[in-house]
Amino acid sequence: MSTIKTVCVYCGSGPGTNPHFTAGAKAFGKALAENNIRLVYGGGSLGLMGSVATSVLDHGGTVTGIIPEFLRKRENALTRVQEMIVTPDMHERKRLMFERSDAFVALPGGVGTLEELVEQLTWKQLGRHAKPVLLANIDNFWEPLFSLLSHMRQTEFIRAGLSVDILKADRVEDILPKLKAAAAQIAETEKQMAPEVARKL
């Protein structure tokens, strides 16, 4: 993977109390559209989910929404998207979001956002994927999580060889450049490793 063509965004189905969160979601949606990068997200029209998706669409971009049947009414599924996939459960939703995405970005959100983010970090930590994962640290929203990860390292629950590879962007305009740089680095690493793997085979 040397280019980013699709980005999965995890974020709140509510707007939060800080107007910068909504502004950041809209700005990132605009950036995705302008860079011809498809948004993959949870399918709702409410909160930050709705803000980022609507912004992509308003700026001529493309969106894939993936939502479980039981959330279609609760999160008011966004009917404007070019592709809406309705799944039978959350597990299928998360699997498809993973498979259809080249990178993952977490905007501010609640327990659901955190759960989806941590799953991707866990899979990456265990070597199940090498896709970039980035926290959009709008107004320092994710600082408590960074502090917790630091605490886990200090207490050696995150040990040597089990590092948590996570990107951080304090400004929305830095998100895509960081994702693209990470993807290029991953591709170069895979290229360098290919001859060694071939020799072992």
C-alpha atoms as a PDB file:
ATOM      1  CA  MET A   1       0.000   0.000   0.000  1.00  0.00           C
ATOM      2  CA  SER A   2       1.813   3.107  -1.234  1.00  0.00           C
ATOM      3  CA  THR A   3      -1.221   5.384  -1.617  1.00  0.00           C
ATOM      4  CA  ILE A   4      -4.267   6.220   0.458  1.00  0.00           C
ATOM      5  CA  LYS A   5      -7.479   5.818  -1.557  1.00  0.00           C
ATOM      6  CA  THR A   6      -9.952   5.226   1.266  1.00  0.00           C
ATOM      7  CA  VAL A   7      -9.975   6.425   4.873  1.00  0.00           C
ATOM      8  CA  CYS A   8     -12.154   5.010   7.615  1.00  0.00           C
ATOM      9  CA  VAL A   9     -13.250   7.630  10.128  1.00  0.00           C
ATOM     10  CA  TYR A  10     -14.388   6.712  13.626  1.00  0.00           C
ATOM     11  CA  CYS A  11     -16.176   9.507  15.487  1.00  0.00           C
ATOM     12  CA  GLY A  12     -19.113  10.398  17.678  1.00  0.00           C
ATOM     13  CA  SER A  13     -22.764  10.136  16.707  1.00  0.00           C
ATOM     14  CA  GLY A  14     -23.187  13.291  18.785  1.00  0.00           C
ATOM     15  CA  PRO A  15     -21.495  16.692  18.241  1.00  0.00           C
ATOM     16  CA  GLY A  16     -19.860  17.027  21.659  1.00  0.00           C
ATOM     17  CA  THR A  17     -19.714  20.285  23.571  1.00  0.00           C
ATOM     18  CA  ASN A  18     -16.833  21.913  21.699  1.00  0.00           C
ATOM     19  CA  PRO A  19     -17.713  23.562  18.360  1.00  0.00           C
ATOM     20  CA  HIS A  20     -14.153  22.910  17.175  1.00  0.00           C
ATOM     21  CA  PHE A  21     -15.017  19.207  16.973  1.00  0.00           C
ATOM     22  CA  THR A  22     -17.715  19.792  14.362  1.00  0.00           C
ATOM     23  CA  ALA A  23     -15.562  22.321  12.543  1.00  0.00           C
ATOM     24  CA  GLY A  24     -12.710  19.810  12.447  1.00  0.00           C
ATOM     25  CA  ALA A  25     -14.964  17.055  11.120  1.00  0.00           C
ATOM     26  CA  LYS A  26     -16.222  19.323   8.342  1.00  0.00           C
ATOM     27  CA  ALA A  27     -12.697  20.459   7.472  1.00  0.00           C
ATOM     28  CA  PHE A  28     -11.478  16.878   7.260  1.00  0.00           C
ATOM     29  CA  GLY A  29     -14.421  15.900   5.072  1.00  0.00           C
ATOM     30  CA  LYS A  30     -13.535  18.746   2.716  1.00  0.00           C
ATOM     31  CA  ALA A  31      -9.895  17.610   2.633  1.00  0.00           C
ATOM     32  CA  LEU A  32     -10.911  14.048   1.764  1.00  0.00           C
ATOM     33  CA  ALA A  33     -13.086  15.232  -1.122  1.00  0.00           C
ATOM     34  CA  GLU A  34     -10.432  17.591  -2.469  1.00  0.00           C
ATOM     35  CA  ASN A  35      -7.851  14.799  -2.429  1.00  0.00           C
ATOM     36  CA  ASN A  36     -10.200  12.304  -4.115  1.00  0.00           C
ATOM     37  CA  ILE A  37     -10.126   9.990  -1.097  1.00  0.00           C
ATOM     38  CA  ARG A  38     -13.255   7.981  -0.340  1.00  0.00           C
ATOM     39  CA  LEU A  39     -14.689   8.182   3.172  1.00  0.00           C
ATOM     40  CA  VAL A  40     -15.687   4.944   4.865  1.00  0.00           C
ATOM     41  CA  TYR A  41     -17.687   5.562   8.027  1.00  0.00           C
ATOM     42  CA  GLY A  42     -20.522   4.311  10.216  1.00  0.00           C
ATOM     43  CA  GLY A  43     -23.386   5.485   8.022  1.00  0.00           C
ATOM     44  CA  GLY A  44     -25.210   7.907  10.328  1.00  0.00           C
ATOM     45  CA  SER A  45     -26.295  11.496   9.686  1.00  0.00           C
ATOM     46  CA  LEU A  46     -26.031  12.716  13.286  1.00  0.00           C
ATOM     47  CA  GLY A  47     -23.200  14.315  15.230  1.00  0.00           C
ATOM     48  CA  LEU A  48     -19.631  14.280  13.946  1.00  0.00           C
ATOM     49  CA  MET A  49     -20.444  11.259  11.761  1.00  0.00           C
ATOM     50  CA  GLY A  50     -22.983  13.315   9.865  1.00  0.00           C
ATOM     51  CA  SER A  51     -20.720  16.358   9.728  1.00  0.00           C
ATOM     52  CA  VAL A  52     -17.751  14.594   8.138  1.00  0.00           C
ATOM     53  CA  ALA A  53     -19.870  12.624   5.648  1.00  0.00           C
ATOM     54  CA  THR A  54     -22.016  15.596   4.620  1.00  0.00           C
ATOM     55  CA  SER A  55     -18.898  17.702   4.138  1.00  0.00           C
ATOM     56  CA  VAL A  56     -17.348  15.083   1.851  1.00  0.00           C
ATOM     57  CA  LEU A  57     -20.525  14.986  -0.225  1.00  0.00           C
ATOM     58  CA  ASP A  58     -20.960  18.775  -0.280  1.00  0.00           C
ATOM     59  CA  HIS A  59     -17.456  19.090  -1.747  1.00  0.00           C
ATOM     60  CA  GLY A  60     -17.977  16.497  -4.451  1.00  0.00           C
ATOM     61  CA  GLY A  61     -16.417  13.501  -2.724  1.00  0.00           C
ATOM     62  CA  THR A  62     -17.533   9.899  -2.355  1.00  0.00           C
ATOM     63  CA  VAL A  63     -18.786   8.131   0.752  1.00  0.00           C
ATOM     64  CA  THR A  64     -19.412   4.563   1.820  1.00  0.00           C
ATOM     65  CA  GLY A  65     -21.617   4.201   4.880  1.00  0.00           C
ATOM     66  CA  ILE A  66     -21.693   0.909   6.760  1.00  0.00           C
ATOM     67  CA  ILE A  67     -24.395   0.601   9.389  1.00  0.00           C
ATOM     68  CA  PRO A  68     -26.022  -2.307  11.223  1.00  0.00           C
ATOM     69  CA  GLU A  69     -29.755  -2.721  10.730  1.00  0.00           C
ATOM     70  CA  PHE A  70     -30.619  -1.925  14.356  1.00  0.00           C
ATOM     71  CA  LEU A  71     -28.924   1.500  14.117  1.00  0.00           C
ATOM     72  CA  ARG A  72     -30.509   2.691  10.869  1.00  0.00           C
ATOM     73  CA  LYS A  73     -33.266   4.634  12.622  1.00  0.00           C
ATOM     74  CA  ARG A  74     -31.378   5.494  15.812  1.00  0.00           C
ATOM     75  CA  GLU A  75     -28.496   7.131  13.941  1.00  0.00           C
ATOM     76  CA  ASN A  76     -30.683   8.293  11.031  1.00  0.00           C
ATOM     77  CA  ALA A  77     -28.761   6.669   8.175  1.00  0.00           C
ATOM     78  CA  LEU A  78     -27.507   9.227   5.654  1.00  0.00           C
ATOM     79  CA  THR A  79     -29.341   8.526   2.395  1.00  0.00           C
ATOM     80  CA  ARG A  80     -27.209  10.856   0.246  1.00  0.00           C
ATOM     81  CA  VAL A  81     -24.145   8.598   0.261  1.00  0.00           C
ATOM     82  CA  GLN A  82     -23.113   6.859  -2.944  1.00  0.00           C
ATOM     83  CA  GLU A  83     -22.927   3.501  -1.185  1.00  0.00           C
ATOM     84  CA  MET A  84     -24.781   2.352   1.921  1.00  0.00           C
ATOM     85  CA  ILE A  85     -24.167  -1.136   3.269  1.00  0.00           C
ATOM     86  CA  VAL A  86     -26.541  -2.458   5.924  1.00  0.00           C
ATOM     87  CA  THR A  87     -25.088  -5.255   8.038  1.00  0.00           C
ATOM     88  CA  PRO A  88     -26.790  -7.734  10.381  1.00  0.00           C
ATOM     89  CA  ASP A  89     -24.588  -6.814  13.342  1.00  0.00           C
ATOM     90  CA  MET A  90     -21.669  -4.735  14.642  1.00  0.00           C
ATOM     91  CA  HIS A  91     -19.085  -7.433  13.953  1.00  0.00           C
ATOM     92  CA  GLU A  92     -19.858  -7.465  10.235  1.00  0.00           C
ATOM     93  CA  ARG A  93     -19.873  -3.686  10.169  1.00  0.00           C
ATOM     94  CA  LYS A  94     -16.397  -3.479  11.682  1.00  0.00           C
ATOM     95  CA  ARG A  95     -15.032  -6.200   9.398  1.00  0.00           C
ATOM     96  CA  LEU A  96     -16.232  -4.414   6.274  1.00  0.00           C
ATOM     97  CA  MET A  97     -14.965  -1.046   7.492  1.00  0.00           C
ATOM     98  CA  PHE A  98     -11.550  -2.617   7.994  1.00  0.00           C
ATOM     99  CA  GLU A  99     -11.475  -4.404   4.639  1.00  0.00           C
ATOM    100  CA  ARG A 100     -12.563  -1.342   2.657  1.00  0.00           C
ATOM    101  CA  SER A 101     -10.094   1.100   4.209  1.00  0.00           C
ATOM    102  CA  ASP A 102      -6.439   1.952   3.648  1.00  0.00           C
ATOM    103  CA  ALA A 103      -6.107   3.949   6.878  1.00  0.00           C
ATOM    104  CA  PHE A 104      -8.039   4.833  10.029  1.00  0.00           C
ATOM    105  CA  VAL A 105      -8.667   8.209  11.663  1.00  0.00           C
ATOM    106  CA  ALA A 106     -10.334   8.750  15.019  1.00  0.00           C
ATOM    107  CA  LEU A 107     -12.026  12.103  15.493  1.00  0.00           C
ATOM    108  CA  PRO A 108     -13.468  12.917  18.940  1.00  0.00           C
ATOM    109  CA  GLY A 109     -16.144  10.478  20.075  1.00  0.00           C
ATOM    110  CA  GLY A 110     -17.415   8.264  22.852  1.00  0.00           C
ATOM    111  CA  VAL A 111     -17.172   4.647  23.925  1.00  0.00           C
ATOM    112  CA  GLY A 112     -18.021   3.281  20.473  1.00  0.00           C
ATOM    113  CA  THR A 113     -15.321   5.393  18.833  1.00  0.00           C
ATOM    114  CA  LEU A 114     -12.811   4.281  21.445  1.00  0.00           C
ATOM    115  CA  GLU A 115     -13.746   0.619  21.034  1.00  0.00           C
ATOM    116  CA  GLU A 116     -13.295   0.710  17.254  1.00  0.00           C
ATOM    117  CA  LEU A 117     -10.012   2.580  17.565  1.00  0.00           C
ATOM    118  CA  VAL A 118      -8.564   0.248  20.188  1.00  0.00           C
ATOM    119  CA  GLU A 119      -9.490  -2.795  18.109  1.00  0.00           C
ATOM    120  CA  GLN A 120      -7.448  -1.472  15.184  1.00  0.00           C
ATOM    121  CA  LEU A 121      -4.535  -0.653  17.482  1.00  0.00           C
ATOM    122  CA  THR A 122      -4.687  -4.163  18.961  1.00  0.00           C
ATOM    123  CA  TRP A 123      -4.740  -5.828  15.550  1.00  0.00           C
ATOM    124  CA  LYS A 124      -1.803  -3.667  14.465  1.00  0.00           C
ATOM    125  CA  GLN A 125       0.106  -4.423  17.666  1.00  0.00           C
ATOM    126  CA  LEU A 126      -0.362  -8.153  16.999  1.00  0.00           C
ATOM    127  CA  GLY A 127       0.772  -7.849  13.388  1.00  0.00           C
ATOM    128  CA  ARG A 128      -2.618  -8.483  11.793  1.00  0.00           C
ATOM    129  CA  HIS A 129      -2.368  -5.354   9.635  1.00  0.00           C
ATOM    130  CA  ALA A 130       0.023  -2.503   8.874  1.00  0.00           C
ATOM    131  CA  LYS A 131      -2.462   0.215   7.933  1.00  0.00           C
ATOM    132  CA  PRO A 132      -1.882   3.682   9.443  1.00  0.00           C
ATOM    133  CA  VAL A 133      -3.984   4.601  12.487  1.00  0.00           C
ATOM    134  CA  LEU A 134      -4.198   8.275  13.460  1.00  0.00           C
ATOM    135  CA  LEU A 135      -5.778  10.217  16.288  1.00  0.00           C
ATOM    136  CA  ALA A 136      -7.117  13.637  15.280  1.00  0.00           C
ATOM    137  CA  ASN A 137      -6.256  15.373  18.533  1.00  0.00           C
ATOM    138  CA  ILE A 138      -8.610  18.337  18.071  1.00  0.00           C
ATOM    139  CA  ASP A 139      -8.258  20.673  21.052  1.00  0.00           C
ATOM    140  CA  ASN A 140      -6.270  17.934  22.838  1.00  0.00           C
ATOM    141  CA  PHE A 141      -9.290  15.622  22.976  1.00  0.00           C
ATOM    142  CA  TRP A 142      -7.183  12.441  22.926  1.00  0.00           C
ATOM    143  CA  GLU A 143      -4.533  13.539  25.449  1.00  0.00           C
ATOM    144  CA  PRO A 144      -6.007  11.361  28.260  1.00  0.00           C
ATOM    145  CA  LEU A 145      -5.609   8.307  26.001  1.00  0.00           C
ATOM    146  CA  PHE A 146      -2.010   9.196  25.203  1.00  0.00           C
ATOM    147  CA  SER A 147      -1.393   9.514  28.955  1.00  0.00           C
ATOM    148  CA  LEU A 148      -2.950   6.094  29.542  1.00  0.00           C
ATOM    149  CA  LEU A 149      -0.789   4.516  26.824  1.00  0.00           C
ATOM    150  CA  SER A 150       2.274   6.097  28.423  1.00  0.00           C
ATOM    151  CA  HIS A 151       1.219   4.644  31.781  1.00  0.00           C
ATOM    152  CA  MET A 152       0.832   1.215  30.175  1.00  0.00           C
ATOM    153  CA  ARG A 153       4.373   1.454  28.821  1.00  0.00           C
ATOM    154  CA  GLN A 154       5.749   2.538  32.192  1.00  0.00           C
ATOM    155  CA  THR A 155       4.082  -0.388  33.924  1.00  0.00           C
ATOM    156  CA  GLU A 156       5.236  -2.727  31.114  1.00  0.00           C
ATOM    157  CA  PHE A 157       1.829  -3.863  29.950  1.00  0.00           C
ATOM    158  CA  ILE A 158       2.987  -2.478  26.614  1.00  0.00           C
ATOM    159  CA  ARG A 159       6.355  -4.231  26.455  1.00  0.00           C
ATOM    160  CA  ALA A 160       9.281  -4.102  24.060  1.00  0.00           C
ATOM    161  CA  GLY A 161       8.255  -5.701  20.796  1.00  0.00           C
ATOM    162  CA  LEU A 162       4.587  -4.880  21.435  1.00  0.00           C
ATOM    163  CA  SER A 163       4.678  -1.171  20.728  1.00  0.00           C
ATOM    164  CA  VAL A 164       1.477   0.652  19.833  1.00  0.00           C
ATOM    165  CA  ASP A 165       2.118   2.332  16.489  1.00  0.00           C
ATOM    166  CA  ILE A 166      -0.197   5.325  16.449  1.00  0.00           C
ATOM    167  CA  LEU A 167      -0.053   8.646  14.623  1.00  0.00           C
ATOM    168  CA  LYS A 168      -1.148  11.961  16.077  1.00  0.00           C
ATOM    169  CA  ALA A 169      -2.274  15.160  14.378  1.00  0.00           C
ATOM    170  CA  ASP A 170      -3.147  18.247  16.380  1.00  0.00           C
ATOM    171  CA  ARG A 171      -4.269  20.083  13.227  1.00  0.00           C
ATOM    172  CA  VAL A 172      -6.749  18.763  10.671  1.00  0.00           C
ATOM    173  CA  GLU A 173      -4.546  19.906   7.790  1.00  0.00           C
ATOM    174  CA  ASP A 174      -1.792  17.566   9.010  1.00  0.00           C
ATOM    175  CA  ILE A 175      -3.913  14.393   8.945  1.00  0.00           C
ATOM    176  CA  LEU A 176      -3.641  13.412   5.281  1.00  0.00           C
ATOM    177  CA  PRO A 177       0.068  14.294   4.925  1.00  0.00           C
ATOM    178  CA  LYS A 178       0.838  12.107   7.946  1.00  0.00           C
ATOM    179  CA  LEU A 179      -1.254   9.228   6.611  1.00  0.00           C
ATOM    180  CA  LYS A 180       0.369   9.445   3.181  1.00  0.00           C
ATOM    181  CA  ALA A 181       3.877   9.571   4.680  1.00  0.00           C
ATOM    182  CA  ALA A 182       3.123   6.557   6.870  1.00  0.00           C
ATOM    183  CA  ALA A 183       1.707   4.602   3.927  1.00  0.00           C
ATOM    184  CA  ALA A 184       4.792   5.362   1.846  1.00  0.00           C
ATOM    185  CA  GLN A 185       7.047   4.227   4.692  1.00  0.00           C
ATOM    186  CA  ILE A 186       5.068   0.999   5.113  1.00  0.00           C
ATOM    187  CA  ALA A 187       5.319   0.312   1.380  1.00  0.00           C
ATOM    188  CA  GLU A 188       9.078   0.894   1.433  1.00  0.00           C
ATOM    189  CA  THR A 189       9.506  -1.423   4.422  1.00  0.00           C
ATOM    190  CA  GLU A 190       7.490  -4.148   2.695  1.00  0.00           C
ATOM    191  CA  LYS A 191       9.580  -3.691  -0.456  1.00  0.00           C
ATOM    192  CA  GLN A 192      12.802  -4.102   1.503  1.00  0.00           C
ATOM    193  CA  MET A 193      11.476  -7.174   3.291  1.00  0.00           C
ATOM    194  CA  ALA A 194      10.263  -8.901   0.110  1.00  0.00           C
ATOM    195  CA  PRO A 195      13.681 -10.324  -0.964  1.00  0.00           C
ATOM    196  CA  GLU A 196      14.290 -11.685   2.561  1.00  0.00           C
ATOM    197  CA  VAL A 197      10.875 -13.381   2.614  1.00  0.00           C
ATOM    198  CA  ALA A 198      11.512 -14.845  -0.835  1.00  0.00           C
ATOM    199  CA  ARG A 199      14.842 -16.298   0.298  1.00  0.00           C
ATOM    200  CA  LYS A 200      13.167 -18.015   3.253  1.00  0.00           C
ATOM    201  CA  LEU A 201      10.585 -19.543   0.960  1.00  0.00           C
END
